[in-house]
N, C-alpha and C. Protein backbone atom coordinates (compact mmCIF):
# COMPACT_ATOMS: atom_id res chain seq x y z
N MET A 1 -18.59 -21.10 -5.77
CA MET A 1 -17.53 -20.76 -6.82
C MET A 1 -16.43 -20.13 -6.18
N SER A 2 -15.29 -20.59 -6.35
CA SER A 2 -14.11 -20.08 -5.25
C SER A 2 -13.51 -18.64 -6.41
N GLU A 3 -13.39 -17.71 -5.74
CA GLU A 3 -12.68 -16.44 -6.50
C GLU A 3 -11.21 -16.81 -6.46
N THR A 4 -10.61 -16.63 -7.65
CA THR A 4 -9.23 -16.58 -8.19
C THR A 4 -8.94 -15.39 -8.58
N PHE A 5 -7.93 -14.85 -7.46
CA PHE A 5 -7.37 -13.39 -7.23
C PHE A 5 -5.83 -13.97 -8.55
N VAL A 6 -5.46 -13.28 -9.07
CA VAL A 6 -4.26 -13.06 -9.58
C VAL A 6 -3.34 -11.91 -9.62
N LEU A 7 -2.17 -12.14 -9.31
CA LEU A 7 -1.09 -10.61 -9.15
C LEU A 7 -0.50 -10.72 -10.85
N ARG A 8 -0.60 -9.02 -11.14
CA ARG A 8 0.40 -9.02 -12.19
C ARG A 8 0.80 -7.60 -12.21
N TYR A 9 1.99 -7.48 -12.77
CA TYR A 9 3.03 -5.90 -12.76
C TYR A 9 2.00 -5.41 -13.84
N ALA A 10 1.88 -4.24 -12.99
CA ALA A 10 0.96 -2.90 -14.09
C ALA A 10 1.84 -1.96 -14.93
N GLU A 11 0.86 -1.62 -15.81
CA GLU A 11 1.69 -1.09 -16.80
C GLU A 11 0.96 0.08 -17.35
N ALA A 12 1.70 1.39 -17.74
CA ALA A 12 1.18 2.64 -18.02
C ALA A 12 -0.13 2.73 -18.01
N GLU A 13 -0.74 2.04 -19.05
CA GLU A 13 -2.12 2.20 -19.44
C GLU A 13 -2.96 1.83 -17.96
N ASP A 14 -2.65 1.36 -17.11
CA ASP A 14 -3.34 0.81 -15.62
C ASP A 14 -3.25 2.17 -14.94
N ALA A 15 -2.59 3.38 -15.22
CA ALA A 15 -2.69 4.48 -14.40
C ALA A 15 -4.09 4.84 -14.03
N THR A 16 -4.62 4.98 -14.61
CA THR A 16 -6.56 5.13 -14.25
C THR A 16 -7.04 4.39 -13.58
N ALA A 17 -6.78 3.43 -13.85
CA ALA A 17 -7.40 2.12 -12.78
C ALA A 17 -6.69 2.46 -11.30
N ILE A 18 -5.48 2.31 -11.22
CA ILE A 18 -4.91 2.67 -10.07
C ILE A 18 -5.34 3.90 -9.11
N ARG A 19 -5.44 5.04 -9.96
CA ARG A 19 -6.15 6.29 -9.37
C ARG A 19 -7.25 6.07 -8.83
N GLN A 20 -8.31 5.51 -9.64
CA GLN A 20 -9.40 4.93 -8.96
C GLN A 20 -9.71 4.46 -7.74
N LEU A 21 -9.08 3.10 -7.86
CA LEU A 21 -8.88 2.35 -6.68
C LEU A 21 -8.66 2.89 -5.86
N THR A 22 -7.39 3.63 -5.67
CA THR A 22 -6.94 4.26 -4.31
C THR A 22 -7.78 5.10 -4.01
N ARG A 23 -8.38 5.98 -4.77
CA ARG A 23 -9.30 6.90 -4.24
C ARG A 23 -10.17 6.45 -3.67
N GLU A 24 -11.04 5.31 -3.94
CA GLU A 24 -12.00 4.61 -3.08
C GLU A 24 -11.86 4.13 -2.10
N ALA A 25 -10.54 3.25 -1.73
CA ALA A 25 -9.83 2.89 -0.73
C ALA A 25 -9.51 3.87 0.26
N TYR A 26 -8.91 4.81 0.10
CA TYR A 26 -8.54 6.05 0.83
C TYR A 26 -9.83 6.86 1.24
N SER A 27 -10.88 7.06 0.50
CA SER A 27 -11.80 7.92 0.89
C SER A 27 -12.54 7.96 2.23
N LYS A 28 -12.39 6.68 2.98
CA LYS A 28 -12.90 6.64 4.07
C LYS A 28 -11.99 7.40 5.16
N TRP A 29 -10.71 7.61 4.98
CA TRP A 29 -9.91 8.45 5.73
C TRP A 29 -9.95 10.23 5.64
N VAL A 30 -10.72 10.61 4.66
CA VAL A 30 -10.88 11.96 4.63
C VAL A 30 -11.78 12.57 5.61
N ALA A 31 -12.62 12.06 6.23
CA ALA A 31 -13.37 12.48 7.36
C ALA A 31 -12.68 12.23 8.51
N VAL A 32 -11.56 11.53 8.74
CA VAL A 32 -10.51 11.23 10.16
C VAL A 32 -9.49 12.46 9.83
N ILE A 33 -8.98 12.64 8.91
CA ILE A 33 -7.76 13.71 8.91
C ILE A 33 -8.28 15.03 8.30
N GLY A 34 -9.65 15.19 7.75
CA GLY A 34 -9.95 16.15 7.14
C GLY A 34 -9.23 16.72 5.98
N ARG A 35 -8.74 15.95 4.94
CA ARG A 35 -8.23 16.49 3.57
C ARG A 35 -8.16 14.92 3.15
N GLU A 36 -7.63 14.92 1.93
CA GLU A 36 -7.42 13.88 1.15
C GLU A 36 -6.05 13.18 1.40
N PRO A 37 -5.89 11.84 1.74
CA PRO A 37 -4.74 11.63 2.34
C PRO A 37 -3.87 11.42 0.77
N LYS A 38 -2.33 11.41 0.82
CA LYS A 38 -1.20 11.62 0.13
C LYS A 38 -1.83 10.68 -1.27
N PRO A 39 -1.88 9.42 -0.88
CA PRO A 39 -2.32 8.57 -2.33
C PRO A 39 -3.42 8.79 -3.14
N MET A 40 -4.02 9.48 -2.47
CA MET A 40 -5.41 10.11 -3.58
C MET A 40 -5.05 11.15 -4.22
N THR A 41 -3.94 11.98 -4.13
CA THR A 41 -3.46 12.96 -4.76
C THR A 41 -2.35 12.56 -5.78
N ALA A 42 -1.93 11.51 -5.63
CA ALA A 42 -0.71 11.10 -6.47
C ALA A 42 -0.71 11.13 -8.00
N ASP A 43 0.30 11.39 -8.73
CA ASP A 43 0.24 11.39 -10.18
C ASP A 43 0.84 10.29 -10.51
N TYR A 44 -0.22 9.35 -10.75
CA TYR A 44 -0.09 7.88 -10.91
C TYR A 44 0.34 7.64 -12.38
N GLU A 45 0.30 8.49 -13.09
CA GLU A 45 0.91 8.32 -14.33
C GLU A 45 2.47 8.19 -14.44
N ALA A 46 3.13 9.22 -13.64
CA ALA A 46 4.34 9.40 -13.25
C ALA A 46 4.87 7.72 -12.37
N ALA A 47 4.13 7.62 -11.78
CA ALA A 47 4.58 6.89 -10.50
C ALA A 47 4.79 5.41 -11.09
N VAL A 48 3.72 5.10 -12.07
CA VAL A 48 3.60 3.86 -12.87
C VAL A 48 5.14 3.99 -13.58
N ARG A 49 5.68 4.81 -14.02
CA ARG A 49 7.11 4.81 -15.04
C ARG A 49 8.17 4.42 -13.77
N THR A 50 8.11 5.07 -12.61
CA THR A 50 9.06 4.94 -11.48
C THR A 50 8.87 4.21 -10.22
N HIS A 51 7.70 3.44 -10.40
CA HIS A 51 7.76 2.66 -9.00
C HIS A 51 7.16 1.33 -9.41
N ARG A 52 7.40 0.20 -8.81
CA ARG A 52 6.78 -0.94 -9.12
C ARG A 52 5.27 -1.19 -8.75
N PHE A 53 4.49 -1.44 -9.42
CA PHE A 53 3.09 -1.75 -9.06
C PHE A 53 2.58 -3.35 -9.41
N ASP A 54 2.18 -3.75 -8.30
CA ASP A 54 1.51 -5.15 -8.40
C ASP A 54 0.22 -4.92 -7.97
N LEU A 55 -0.72 -5.61 -9.17
CA LEU A 55 -2.22 -5.64 -9.21
C LEU A 55 -2.61 -6.72 -8.73
N LEU A 56 -3.66 -6.83 -7.81
CA LEU A 56 -4.48 -8.12 -7.73
C LEU A 56 -5.58 -7.88 -8.43
N MET A 57 -5.77 -8.77 -9.25
CA MET A 57 -7.27 -9.12 -10.19
C MET A 57 -7.81 -9.93 -9.98
N LEU A 58 -9.34 -9.85 -10.08
CA LEU A 58 -10.39 -10.76 -10.00
C LEU A 58 -11.11 -10.61 -11.38
N GLY A 59 -10.62 -11.43 -12.27
CA GLY A 59 -10.79 -11.47 -13.85
C GLY A 59 -10.37 -10.28 -14.24
N ASP A 60 -11.10 -9.25 -14.75
CA ASP A 60 -10.80 -8.09 -15.49
C ASP A 60 -10.99 -6.74 -14.21
N THR A 61 -11.48 -7.08 -12.83
CA THR A 61 -11.70 -6.35 -12.04
C THR A 61 -10.39 -6.21 -11.01
N LEU A 62 -9.76 -4.67 -10.84
CA LEU A 62 -8.87 -4.49 -9.92
C LEU A 62 -9.27 -4.67 -8.70
N ALA A 63 -8.74 -5.49 -7.80
CA ALA A 63 -9.29 -5.57 -6.64
C ALA A 63 -8.24 -4.95 -5.36
N GLY A 64 -7.09 -4.96 -5.68
CA GLY A 64 -6.29 -4.24 -4.65
C GLY A 64 -4.93 -4.02 -5.41
N LEU A 65 -3.71 -3.60 -4.73
CA LEU A 65 -2.71 -3.07 -5.37
C LEU A 65 -1.46 -2.86 -4.49
N VAL A 66 -0.12 -3.25 -4.98
CA VAL A 66 0.85 -2.69 -3.93
C VAL A 66 1.75 -2.24 -4.86
N GLU A 67 2.12 -0.50 -4.17
CA GLU A 67 3.28 -0.07 -4.96
C GLU A 67 4.66 -0.03 -3.90
N THR A 68 5.69 -0.29 -5.02
CA THR A 68 6.96 -0.56 -3.98
C THR A 68 7.97 0.16 -4.65
N VAL A 69 9.00 0.63 -3.71
CA VAL A 69 10.25 1.34 -4.44
C VAL A 69 11.23 0.43 -3.56
N ASP A 70 12.37 0.25 -4.53
CA ASP A 70 13.74 -0.57 -4.14
C ASP A 70 14.65 1.01 -3.60
N LEU A 71 14.91 0.78 -2.49
CA LEU A 71 15.57 2.03 -1.78
C LEU A 71 16.95 1.31 -1.63
N GLY A 72 17.18 0.34 -2.19
CA GLY A 72 18.92 0.00 -1.84
C GLY A 72 19.09 -1.03 -1.03
N HIS A 73 19.10 -0.29 0.45
CA HIS A 73 19.05 -0.72 1.69
C HIS A 73 17.63 -1.42 2.18
N ALA A 74 16.79 -1.03 1.67
CA ALA A 74 15.22 -1.77 1.61
C ALA A 74 14.46 -1.44 0.86
N MET A 75 13.11 -2.28 1.27
CA MET A 75 11.97 -2.07 -0.09
C MET A 75 10.97 -1.23 0.77
N LEU A 76 10.48 -0.27 0.23
CA LEU A 76 9.33 0.44 0.57
C LEU A 76 8.11 0.03 0.28
N ILE A 77 7.13 0.14 0.91
CA ILE A 77 5.92 -0.01 0.49
C ILE A 77 5.29 1.46 0.45
N GLU A 78 5.20 1.88 -0.53
CA GLU A 78 4.76 3.33 -0.87
C GLU A 78 3.04 3.50 -0.61
N ASN A 79 2.35 2.30 -1.19
CA ASN A 79 1.10 2.45 -1.32
C ASN A 79 0.42 1.07 -1.31
N LEU A 80 -0.60 0.94 -0.29
CA LEU A 80 -0.99 -0.57 -0.25
C LEU A 80 -2.83 -0.14 -0.40
N ALA A 81 -3.39 -0.70 -1.73
CA ALA A 81 -5.06 -0.42 -1.44
C ALA A 81 -5.73 -1.73 -1.81
N VAL A 82 -6.90 -1.72 -1.13
CA VAL A 82 -7.71 -2.67 -1.46
C VAL A 82 -9.08 -1.99 -1.68
N SER A 83 -9.87 -2.59 -2.95
CA SER A 83 -11.14 -2.08 -3.28
C SER A 83 -11.97 -1.90 -2.07
N PRO A 84 -13.14 -1.05 -1.42
CA PRO A 84 -13.52 -1.66 -0.50
C PRO A 84 -14.76 -2.64 -0.54
N ARG A 85 -14.93 -2.93 -2.13
CA ARG A 85 -15.61 -3.97 -2.34
C ARG A 85 -15.03 -5.57 -2.17
N PHE A 86 -13.90 -5.19 -1.93
CA PHE A 86 -13.09 -6.72 -1.63
C PHE A 86 -12.25 -6.90 -0.22
N GLN A 87 -12.42 -5.58 0.63
CA GLN A 87 -11.75 -5.75 2.04
C GLN A 87 -12.29 -6.73 2.67
N ARG A 88 -11.53 -6.98 3.93
CA ARG A 88 -11.48 -7.96 4.75
C ARG A 88 -11.81 -9.43 4.47
N ARG A 89 -10.88 -9.71 3.30
CA ARG A 89 -10.99 -10.68 2.67
C ARG A 89 -9.64 -11.49 3.02
N GLY A 90 -8.77 -10.63 3.59
CA GLY A 90 -7.38 -11.05 3.44
C GLY A 90 -6.12 -10.80 2.60
N LEU A 91 -6.79 -9.52 1.64
CA LEU A 91 -6.05 -9.49 0.66
C LEU A 91 -5.11 -8.49 0.98
N GLY A 92 -5.45 -7.72 1.36
CA GLY A 92 -4.10 -6.67 2.34
C GLY A 92 -2.85 -7.58 2.73
N THR A 93 -3.29 -8.58 3.62
CA THR A 93 -2.40 -9.22 4.14
C THR A 93 -1.71 -9.96 3.09
N ARG A 94 -2.12 -10.45 1.86
CA ARG A 94 -1.58 -11.25 0.75
C ARG A 94 -0.88 -10.25 -0.04
N LEU A 95 -1.37 -8.98 -0.15
CA LEU A 95 -0.53 -8.14 -1.00
C LEU A 95 1.08 -7.49 0.11
N MET A 96 0.78 -7.60 1.18
CA MET A 96 1.93 -7.09 2.09
C MET A 96 2.81 -8.60 2.10
N SER A 97 2.47 -9.65 2.23
CA SER A 97 3.33 -10.88 1.97
C SER A 97 4.11 -10.80 0.45
N HIS A 98 3.23 -10.29 -0.23
CA HIS A 98 3.61 -10.31 -1.66
C HIS A 98 5.22 -9.57 -1.78
N ALA A 99 4.81 -8.21 -1.34
CA ALA A 99 6.00 -7.29 -0.95
C ALA A 99 7.17 -7.68 -0.34
N GLU A 100 6.69 -8.40 0.52
CA GLU A 100 8.14 -8.93 1.57
C GLU A 100 8.81 -9.83 0.65
N GLY A 101 8.10 -10.87 -0.29
CA GLY A 101 8.75 -11.62 -1.11
C GLY A 101 9.71 -10.92 -2.22
N LEU A 102 9.06 -9.62 -2.71
CA LEU A 102 9.66 -9.15 -3.56
C LEU A 102 11.06 -8.52 -3.24
N ALA A 103 11.08 -8.22 -2.02
CA ALA A 103 12.20 -7.61 -0.92
C ALA A 103 13.27 -8.40 -0.91
N ARG A 104 12.80 -9.97 -0.81
CA ARG A 104 13.62 -11.16 -0.47
C ARG A 104 14.30 -11.25 -2.06
N ALA A 105 13.97 -11.41 -2.73
CA ALA A 105 13.89 -11.86 -4.09
C ALA A 105 14.94 -10.50 -4.77
N LEU A 106 15.43 -9.43 -4.15
CA LEU A 106 15.97 -8.17 -4.41
C LEU A 106 17.18 -8.39 -3.44
N GLY A 107 17.17 -9.35 -2.49
CA GLY A 107 18.38 -9.19 -1.33
C GLY A 107 18.29 -8.35 -0.49
N ARG A 108 16.80 -7.64 -0.29
CA ARG A 108 16.77 -6.81 0.89
C ARG A 108 16.38 -7.54 2.26
N ASP A 109 16.87 -6.88 3.02
CA ASP A 109 16.49 -7.87 4.37
C ASP A 109 15.62 -6.85 5.37
N ARG A 110 15.29 -6.00 4.90
CA ARG A 110 14.14 -5.31 5.44
C ARG A 110 13.37 -4.45 4.62
N ILE A 111 12.02 -4.26 5.13
CA ILE A 111 10.83 -3.82 4.37
C ILE A 111 10.43 -2.53 5.12
N GLU A 112 10.11 -1.31 4.50
CA GLU A 112 9.63 -0.27 5.52
C GLU A 112 8.30 0.43 4.74
N LEU A 113 7.32 1.12 5.61
CA LEU A 113 6.28 1.70 5.15
C LEU A 113 5.76 2.62 6.16
N TYR A 114 4.92 3.78 5.65
CA TYR A 114 4.61 4.50 6.66
C TYR A 114 3.12 5.05 6.38
N THR A 115 2.30 5.30 7.70
CA THR A 115 1.08 5.50 7.49
C THR A 115 0.78 6.66 8.45
N ASN A 116 -0.34 6.96 8.69
CA ASN A 116 -0.76 8.31 9.44
C ASN A 116 -1.24 7.59 10.68
N LYS A 117 -0.83 8.12 11.88
CA LYS A 117 -1.15 7.72 13.13
C LYS A 117 -3.09 7.71 13.30
N ARG A 118 -3.51 8.56 12.61
CA ARG A 118 -4.99 8.23 12.78
C ARG A 118 -5.49 7.09 12.22
N PHE A 119 -4.78 6.57 11.30
CA PHE A 119 -5.06 5.35 10.66
C PHE A 119 -5.33 4.00 11.30
N CYS A 120 -5.85 4.10 12.71
CA CYS A 120 -5.58 3.07 13.62
C CYS A 120 -5.72 1.67 12.91
N GLY A 121 -6.76 1.54 12.14
CA GLY A 121 -6.81 0.06 11.65
C GLY A 121 -5.43 -0.53 10.78
N ASN A 122 -4.84 0.48 10.03
CA ASN A 122 -3.53 -0.06 9.37
C ASN A 122 -2.41 -0.07 10.27
N VAL A 123 -2.49 0.84 11.35
CA VAL A 123 -1.16 0.65 11.97
C VAL A 123 -1.34 -0.87 13.12
N GLU A 124 -2.63 -1.17 13.31
CA GLU A 124 -2.62 -2.51 14.20
C GLU A 124 -2.41 -3.60 12.85
N LEU A 125 -3.12 -3.37 11.89
CA LEU A 125 -2.39 -4.40 10.90
C LEU A 125 -1.03 -5.07 10.47
N TYR A 126 -0.70 -3.65 10.54
CA TYR A 126 1.09 -3.74 10.51
C TYR A 126 1.81 -4.45 11.74
N LEU A 127 1.69 -3.86 12.46
CA LEU A 127 1.81 -4.67 14.11
C LEU A 127 1.50 -5.75 14.04
N ARG A 128 0.48 -6.50 13.84
CA ARG A 128 -0.08 -7.93 13.67
C ARG A 128 1.11 -8.39 12.71
N LEU A 129 1.42 -8.00 11.61
CA LEU A 129 2.05 -8.71 10.71
C LEU A 129 3.67 -8.67 10.86
N GLY A 130 3.93 -8.02 12.31
CA GLY A 130 5.43 -8.30 12.68
C GLY A 130 6.12 -6.93 12.32
N TYR A 131 5.60 -5.66 12.12
CA TYR A 131 6.49 -4.72 11.67
C TYR A 131 6.58 -3.84 13.30
N THR A 132 7.07 -3.01 13.20
CA THR A 132 7.90 -1.99 14.24
C THR A 132 7.44 -0.85 14.15
N ILE A 133 7.18 0.05 15.22
CA ILE A 133 7.13 1.44 14.83
C ILE A 133 8.53 1.97 15.10
N LEU A 134 8.93 2.61 14.19
CA LEU A 134 10.34 3.09 14.05
C LEU A 134 10.73 4.33 14.79
N ARG A 135 9.54 5.22 14.16
CA ARG A 135 9.44 6.54 14.73
C ARG A 135 8.11 7.20 14.32
N GLU A 136 7.92 8.36 15.26
CA GLU A 136 6.66 9.10 14.80
C GLU A 136 7.24 10.51 14.41
N GLU A 137 6.17 11.06 13.41
CA GLU A 137 6.77 12.44 13.28
C GLU A 137 5.66 13.42 13.19
N ASP A 138 5.36 14.66 13.67
CA ASP A 138 4.40 15.42 13.45
C ASP A 138 4.66 16.20 12.52
N LEU A 139 3.83 16.03 11.68
CA LEU A 139 3.78 17.11 10.09
C LEU A 139 2.97 17.91 10.51
N GLY A 140 2.18 18.62 11.62
CA GLY A 140 1.46 19.73 11.59
C GLY A 140 0.15 19.44 10.98
N GLY A 141 -0.62 20.15 11.45
CA GLY A 141 -2.16 20.16 10.88
C GLY A 141 -2.85 18.94 11.33
N GLY A 142 -2.43 18.54 12.36
CA GLY A 142 -3.10 16.99 13.03
C GLY A 142 -2.56 15.94 12.02
N THR A 143 -1.28 15.86 11.57
CA THR A 143 -0.63 14.73 11.03
C THR A 143 0.17 13.96 11.64
N VAL A 144 0.13 12.89 12.22
CA VAL A 144 1.37 12.36 12.68
C VAL A 144 1.92 11.29 11.78
N ARG A 145 3.05 11.45 11.27
CA ARG A 145 3.42 10.00 10.45
C ARG A 145 4.14 9.27 10.95
N VAL A 146 3.73 7.80 10.67
CA VAL A 146 4.13 6.52 11.37
C VAL A 146 5.05 5.70 10.65
N ASP A 147 6.38 5.83 10.99
CA ASP A 147 7.50 5.18 10.07
C ASP A 147 7.65 3.64 10.65
N MET A 148 7.17 2.62 9.87
CA MET A 148 7.42 1.27 10.41
C MET A 148 8.49 0.60 9.36
N GLY A 149 8.76 -0.64 10.11
CA GLY A 149 9.86 -1.54 9.49
C GLY A 149 9.57 -3.22 9.95
N LYS A 150 10.16 -3.95 9.41
CA LYS A 150 10.28 -5.37 9.64
C LYS A 150 11.69 -5.73 8.91
N ALA A 151 12.07 -6.61 9.50
CA ALA A 151 13.23 -7.39 9.09
C ALA A 151 12.58 -8.67 8.36
N ILE A 152 13.22 -8.94 7.10
CA ILE A 152 12.76 -10.10 6.82
C ILE A 152 13.85 -10.91 5.90
C-alpha cells in the first residue's frame, strides 16, 4: 500500500502540532550546538498568524512542514522540518520544491534560507538542490549562520 502525502495550509489551531514536530525534528541538533536551535523556541501561535505554513500530512499525521515569508524581493524559507519518523523519504526535497513553486507564483525570482554551519547534512542538501552560500556570519558561542539562496 502506497503512502499518500497531502499538502495543506496551516491554521491557528495547528500551532501546537507545528511546535511538537519542529521540536522533534531539531532535537538531534541540540548535542551538536549545545543548545536548542531557534526553531525549537519559536512562538508558533504568533508565527502561524504572520507567516505561511504548508503542512505535509499523511492522513491526520503531520509528517513535515515548510514555513515561508514573502520578503518582497524574495521568498524566505524560515523553517523546514520533517518528523524523524518520516525522514529519508524525500519529503524535505518535496517541501523545498513546494516553497520554490510558491515563490514563483508570487513572482519572486529568488528564494533564500539560512541554517547553522554545523548542520552539515542540511547544508549539503541545499547545495545539492542548487542553492549557493551567500555569506557566513559568526554569531558567537560557536554559531555560524550560513545564508543561502537560489535563483528560480
